[in-house]
Amino acid sequence: MVNLLGKNGYHVFVGVRRQESATEWNIISKRRQHQIHPVMLDLTLKEHIDSVVTEIERYSSEHTDMKFAGLVNNAGIGCHRPIEN
């Protein structure tokens, strides 16, 4: 989804939990010339959430052509079996 949004001209902030993932997204962004911005984000830590909000506000004030379009939460636990019986 990130690559599709980036390909279509969206500025995409990607929440990551490890610096290695941020580095990978920076490489992808540069290679594909997309506006992908990795941010450290652990949704269980309020300080991470506050930091991401501040980063998005800062970025959008510097890029006045950018509008906030939405938020995709891709975090979760994979389940490879029926959830209900």
Protein backbone atom coordinates (compact mmCIF):
# COMPACT_ATOMS: atom_id res chain seq x y z
CA MET A 1 0.00 0.00 0.00
CA VAL A 2 2.85 2.41 0.81
CA ASN A 3 4.42 1.96 -2.61
CA LEU A 4 1.08 2.38 -4.38
CA LEU A 5 0.34 5.62 -2.52
CA GLY A 6 3.87 6.89 -3.15
CA LYS A 7 3.63 6.02 -6.84
CA ASN A 8 0.46 8.09 -7.06
CA GLY A 9 2.10 11.18 -5.60
CA TYR A 10 1.06 10.94 -1.96
CA HIS A 11 3.42 11.86 0.86
CA VAL A 12 3.42 8.72 3.00
CA PHE A 13 4.55 8.51 6.61
CA VAL A 14 5.44 4.93 7.48
CA GLY A 15 5.46 3.89 11.12
CA VAL A 16 8.37 1.58 11.88
CA ARG A 17 9.60 0.04 15.11
CA ARG A 18 13.23 -0.59 14.12
CA GLN A 19 15.87 1.71 12.65
CA GLU A 20 16.69 -0.98 10.07
CA SER A 21 13.15 -0.70 8.70
CA ALA A 22 13.47 3.09 8.48
CA THR A 23 16.70 2.69 6.53
CA GLU A 24 15.04 0.24 4.13
CA TRP A 25 12.14 2.65 3.49
CA ASN A 26 14.58 5.52 2.87
CA ILE A 27 16.35 3.41 0.24
CA ILE A 28 13.05 2.49 -1.42
CA SER A 29 11.90 6.12 -1.37
CA LYS A 30 15.08 7.34 -3.00
CA ARG A 31 15.19 4.56 -5.60
CA ARG A 32 11.57 5.02 -6.66
CA GLN A 33 11.53 8.80 -6.16
CA HIS A 34 8.52 8.57 -3.86
CA GLN A 35 7.71 10.78 -0.88
CA ILE A 36 7.99 8.07 1.78
CA HIS A 37 8.92 9.22 5.27
CA PRO A 38 9.63 6.55 7.89
CA VAL A 39 8.91 7.54 11.49
CA MET A 40 9.67 5.57 14.63
CA LEU A 41 6.31 4.47 15.98
CA ASP A 42 5.31 2.07 18.70
CA LEU A 43 1.57 2.54 19.17
CA THR A 44 1.84 1.46 22.80
CA LEU A 45 4.04 4.49 23.62
CA LYS A 46 2.33 7.87 23.90
CA GLU A 47 5.62 9.70 23.34
CA HIS A 48 6.02 7.98 19.96
CA ILE A 49 2.52 9.01 18.92
CA ASP A 50 3.12 12.61 20.06
CA SER A 51 6.43 12.69 18.19
CA VAL A 52 4.84 11.47 14.95
CA VAL A 53 2.06 14.06 15.19
CA THR A 54 4.69 16.77 15.68
CA GLU A 55 6.72 15.48 12.72
CA ILE A 56 3.70 15.43 10.41
CA GLU A 57 2.68 18.94 11.51
CA ARG A 58 6.24 20.21 10.92
CA TYR A 59 6.49 18.56 7.53
CA SER A 60 3.08 19.77 6.36
CA SER A 61 3.88 23.36 7.40
CA GLU A 62 6.98 23.19 5.17
CA HIS A 63 5.06 21.58 2.28
CA THR A 64 1.93 23.70 2.03
CA ASP A 65 0.80 21.85 -1.11
CA MET A 66 0.35 18.69 0.97
CA LYS A 67 -3.07 17.86 2.40
CA PHE A 68 -3.73 15.21 4.99
CA ALA A 69 -5.67 12.45 3.24
CA GLY A 70 -5.89 9.70 5.82
CA LEU A 71 -4.23 7.26 8.15
CA VAL A 72 -3.65 3.56 7.56
CA ASN A 73 -2.83 1.43 10.56
CA ASN A 74 -1.11 -1.65 9.24
CA ALA A 75 -0.01 -2.91 12.66
CA GLY A 76 -1.46 -6.13 13.93
CA ILE A 77 -1.00 -9.79 14.55
CA GLY A 78 -1.18 -12.26 11.68
CA CYS A 79 -3.55 -15.16 12.12
CA HIS A 80 -3.45 -18.15 9.80
CA ARG A 81 -6.43 -20.03 11.14
CA PRO A 82 -10.14 -19.35 11.62
CA ILE A 83 -10.88 -16.72 14.25
CA GLU A 84 -14.27 -18.27 15.10
CA ASN A 85 -15.45 -21.88 15.32
